[in-house]
């Protein structure tokens, strides 16, 4: 019963933020707790892995990462919407380093031990609607944050491979589809071969 009440509360909060800034939100429904749990389960070696979450939203993935034992010194969540940040801080006052910033600027604000040393970046950001330059900047920044061999997980609503994958010559693998969401969420692992890095990106 409490989980249902919590989800209804999250839905109301999500819709208020969506109406204020639909492009930043990127979807018309928040992710479910089941999806959050499945995404969080991708993180291995939870006692030592550094994790950066982009687009924490109502906290469905955040909640599960905390529940799985990711400590605050190894976990940074980034959310652009101030009202969502406020609610996340109420839920996790000490469990998460929460940054109310634009993901494109994260290099300026992340603790220095996360830069080039992060094991996982988990992003539910709607990259394509953010526009060409910001899309490119965020992706470039993600790979600067990740350590060699680090994992970039991107959630999309489209079942098709994102256009920026080919534009940046990234490698992609679909990990799973969450059918419990409306619309379904497609979860990808993206990686980059530095030797093939492209200079241009078209996010349209």
Protein backbone atom coordinates (compact mmCIF):
# COMPACT_ATOMS: atom_id res chain seq x y z
CA UNK A 1 0.00 0.00 0.00
CA UNK A 2 2.81 2.40 0.91
CA UNK A 3 4.59 1.66 -2.38
CA UNK A 4 1.41 2.52 -4.31
CA UNK A 5 1.03 5.78 -2.40
CA UNK A 6 4.67 6.59 -3.07
CA UNK A 7 4.29 5.95 -6.80
CA UNK A 8 1.17 8.11 -6.98
CA UNK A 9 3.06 10.90 -5.23
CA UNK A 10 5.97 10.51 -7.66
CA UNK A 11 3.55 10.65 -10.60
CA UNK A 12 2.08 13.94 -9.37
CA UNK A 13 5.49 15.47 -8.82
CA UNK A 14 6.70 14.22 -12.20
CA UNK A 15 3.72 15.69 -14.07
CA UNK A 16 4.19 19.11 -12.44
CA UNK A 17 7.81 19.15 -13.54
CA UNK A 18 6.94 17.82 -17.00
CA UNK A 19 4.43 20.63 -17.64
CA UNK A 20 7.04 23.19 -16.59
CA UNK A 21 9.82 21.74 -18.75
CA UNK A 22 8.76 18.90 -21.09
CA UNK A 23 11.99 18.82 -23.11
CA UNK A 24 14.08 18.37 -19.99
CA UNK A 25 11.86 15.55 -18.75
CA UNK A 26 11.77 13.76 -22.09
CA UNK A 27 8.89 11.39 -21.33
CA UNK A 28 5.30 11.62 -20.16
CA UNK A 29 5.67 8.97 -17.42
CA UNK A 30 8.36 8.33 -14.80
CA UNK A 31 10.16 5.01 -14.72
CA UNK A 32 8.64 2.31 -12.52
CA UNK A 33 10.32 0.87 -9.45
CA UNK A 34 10.63 -2.46 -11.30
CA UNK A 35 12.55 -0.73 -14.09
CA UNK A 36 14.66 1.12 -11.56
CA UNK A 37 15.57 -2.13 -9.85
CA UNK A 38 16.55 -3.79 -13.13
CA UNK A 39 18.73 -0.84 -14.15
CA UNK A 40 20.39 -0.66 -10.73
CA UNK A 41 21.14 -4.39 -10.90
CA UNK A 42 23.51 -3.67 -13.82
CA UNK A 43 25.99 -2.25 -11.31
CA UNK A 44 28.47 -4.89 -10.17
CA UNK A 45 30.96 -4.76 -7.28
CA UNK A 46 28.60 -2.41 -5.44
CA UNK A 47 30.93 -1.88 -2.53
CA UNK A 48 33.61 -0.26 -4.67
CA UNK A 49 32.00 0.98 -7.89
CA UNK A 50 31.62 4.71 -8.47
CA UNK A 51 28.28 5.59 -10.05
CA UNK A 52 27.00 8.81 -11.62
CA UNK A 53 23.28 8.98 -12.38
CA UNK A 54 22.07 11.57 -14.91
CA UNK A 55 18.42 12.62 -14.76
CA UNK A 56 17.57 11.22 -11.33
CA UNK A 57 13.97 12.44 -11.67
CA UNK A 58 11.62 11.07 -9.01
CA UNK A 59 14.32 8.69 -7.77
CA UNK A 60 13.22 5.28 -9.02
CA UNK A 61 16.77 4.30 -10.03
CA UNK A 62 18.29 6.31 -7.19
CA UNK A 63 16.20 4.46 -4.61
CA UNK A 64 17.30 1.08 -5.91
CA UNK A 65 20.99 2.00 -6.09
CA UNK A 66 20.85 3.12 -2.46
CA UNK A 67 18.94 -0.05 -1.48
CA UNK A 68 21.60 -2.18 -3.18
CA UNK A 69 24.31 -0.67 -1.02
CA UNK A 70 26.00 1.99 -3.18
CA UNK A 71 27.52 4.29 -0.56
CA UNK A 72 27.28 8.09 -0.65
CA UNK A 73 31.02 8.48 -1.27
CA UNK A 74 30.66 6.38 -4.41
CA UNK A 75 27.37 7.80 -5.74
CA UNK A 76 26.52 11.14 -7.37
CA UNK A 77 23.03 11.82 -8.75
CA UNK A 78 22.42 14.77 -11.06
CA UNK A 79 19.01 16.35 -11.65
CA UNK A 80 18.32 19.63 -13.45
CA UNK A 81 14.81 20.23 -12.08
CA UNK A 82 14.95 22.02 -8.72
CA UNK A 83 11.61 20.70 -7.43
CA UNK A 84 12.61 17.10 -8.13
CA UNK A 85 15.95 17.71 -6.42
CA UNK A 86 14.17 19.02 -3.36
CA UNK A 87 12.06 15.87 -3.08
CA UNK A 88 15.05 13.59 -3.70
CA UNK A 89 16.94 15.34 -0.92
CA UNK A 90 14.06 14.67 1.45
CA UNK A 91 14.20 10.96 0.63
CA UNK A 92 17.98 10.69 0.65
CA UNK A 93 19.46 13.45 2.85
CA UNK A 94 22.67 11.47 3.48
CA UNK A 95 22.66 8.54 1.06
CA UNK A 96 23.49 10.39 -2.16
CA UNK A 97 25.60 13.31 -3.33
CA UNK A 98 22.86 15.19 -5.18
CA UNK A 99 23.77 17.93 -7.67
CA UNK A 100 21.11 20.32 -9.00
CA UNK A 101 22.98 21.15 -12.22
CA UNK A 102 22.92 20.77 -15.99
CA UNK A 103 24.55 17.45 -16.89
CA UNK A 104 26.56 19.22 -19.59
CA UNK A 105 28.42 21.08 -16.81
CA UNK A 106 29.12 18.10 -14.55
CA UNK A 107 32.90 18.24 -14.96
CA UNK A 108 32.84 21.54 -13.07
CA UNK A 109 30.95 20.10 -10.09
CA UNK A 110 31.77 16.41 -9.74
CA UNK A 111 34.22 15.45 -6.96
CA UNK A 112 37.65 15.14 -8.56
CA UNK A 113 37.86 11.42 -7.72
CA UNK A 114 34.94 10.80 -10.10
CA UNK A 115 36.55 12.42 -13.15
CA UNK A 116 38.07 9.68 -15.27
CA UNK A 117 37.48 7.20 -12.44
CA UNK A 118 33.75 6.46 -12.61
CA UNK A 119 32.70 2.85 -13.17
CA UNK A 120 29.10 3.49 -14.31
CA UNK A 121 27.22 6.43 -15.80
CA UNK A 122 23.48 5.71 -15.86
CA UNK A 123 21.53 8.21 -17.94
CA UNK A 124 17.80 8.59 -18.42
CA UNK A 125 18.31 12.00 -20.01
CA UNK A 126 16.41 12.68 -23.26
CA UNK A 127 19.56 13.48 -25.24
CA UNK A 128 18.11 14.06 -28.70
CA UNK A 129 15.53 16.74 -27.73
CA UNK A 130 18.26 18.70 -25.94
CA UNK A 131 19.71 19.77 -29.30
CA UNK A 132 22.86 19.11 -31.28
CA UNK A 133 25.48 20.97 -29.25
CA UNK A 134 24.27 19.94 -25.81
CA UNK A 135 23.82 16.33 -26.91
CA UNK A 136 27.40 16.23 -28.14
CA UNK A 137 28.76 17.95 -25.04
CA UNK A 138 26.99 15.59 -22.65
CA UNK A 139 28.19 12.47 -24.48
CA UNK A 140 31.77 13.75 -24.65
CA UNK A 141 31.63 14.62 -20.95
CA UNK A 142 30.29 11.18 -20.02
CA UNK A 143 33.33 9.53 -21.57
CA UNK A 144 35.64 11.94 -19.75
CA UNK A 145 33.97 10.97 -16.47
CA UNK A 146 34.17 7.21 -17.10
CA UNK A 147 37.35 5.31 -16.41
CA UNK A 148 38.77 3.08 -19.18
CA UNK A 149 36.38 0.17 -19.50
CA UNK A 150 33.64 2.03 -17.60
CA UNK A 151 30.00 1.39 -18.48
CA UNK A 152 27.66 3.98 -20.04
CA UNK A 153 24.01 2.96 -19.70
CA UNK A 154 21.48 5.04 -21.66
CA UNK A 155 17.70 4.73 -21.44
CA UNK A 156 15.60 5.67 -24.47
CA UNK A 157 11.93 5.55 -25.42
CA UNK A 158 12.55 4.66 -29.04
CA UNK A 159 13.10 0.97 -29.88
CA UNK A 160 15.58 2.06 -32.55
CA UNK A 161 19.26 2.64 -31.96
CA UNK A 162 19.78 6.36 -31.18
CA UNK A 163 21.00 8.37 -34.16
CA UNK A 164 23.97 9.74 -32.27
CA UNK A 165 25.38 6.21 -31.92
CA UNK A 166 26.34 6.09 -35.60
CA UNK A 167 27.20 9.80 -35.79
CA UNK A 168 29.79 9.38 -33.02
CA UNK A 169 30.79 5.89 -34.13
CA UNK A 170 29.77 4.46 -30.80
CA UNK A 171 29.17 0.78 -30.18
CA UNK A 172 25.74 -0.11 -28.83
CA UNK A 173 24.05 -3.13 -27.29
CA UNK A 174 20.46 -3.26 -26.11
CA UNK A 175 20.47 -4.75 -22.62
CA UNK A 176 16.73 -5.09 -22.06
CA UNK A 177 13.29 -3.57 -22.65
CA UNK A 178 11.08 -2.60 -19.72
CA UNK A 179 7.52 -3.29 -20.88
CA UNK A 180 5.98 -2.14 -17.58
CA UNK A 181 6.58 1.50 -18.52
CA UNK A 182 4.33 3.66 -20.71
CA UNK A 183 5.84 3.85 -23.27
CA UNK A 184 8.29 0.95 -22.83
CA UNK A 185 11.86 1.90 -21.94
CA UNK A 186 14.82 0.57 -23.91
CA UNK A 187 18.07 0.24 -21.98
CA UNK A 188 21.35 0.36 -23.91
CA UNK A 189 25.04 0.03 -23.18
CA UNK A 190 27.05 2.50 -25.24
CA UNK A 191 30.82 2.51 -25.65
CA UNK A 192 33.37 4.40 -27.68
CA UNK A 193 36.43 3.32 -29.59
CA UNK A 194 38.78 6.27 -29.16
CA UNK A 195 40.50 5.51 -32.46
CA UNK A 196 37.20 5.99 -34.29
CA UNK A 197 35.99 9.08 -32.45
CA UNK A 198 34.01 11.31 -34.79
CA UNK A 199 34.30 15.08 -34.80
CA UNK A 200 30.66 15.78 -35.65
CA UNK A 201 27.34 14.91 -34.17
CA UNK A 202 23.85 15.50 -35.43
CA UNK A 203 21.14 15.02 -32.82
CA UNK A 204 17.82 15.57 -34.57
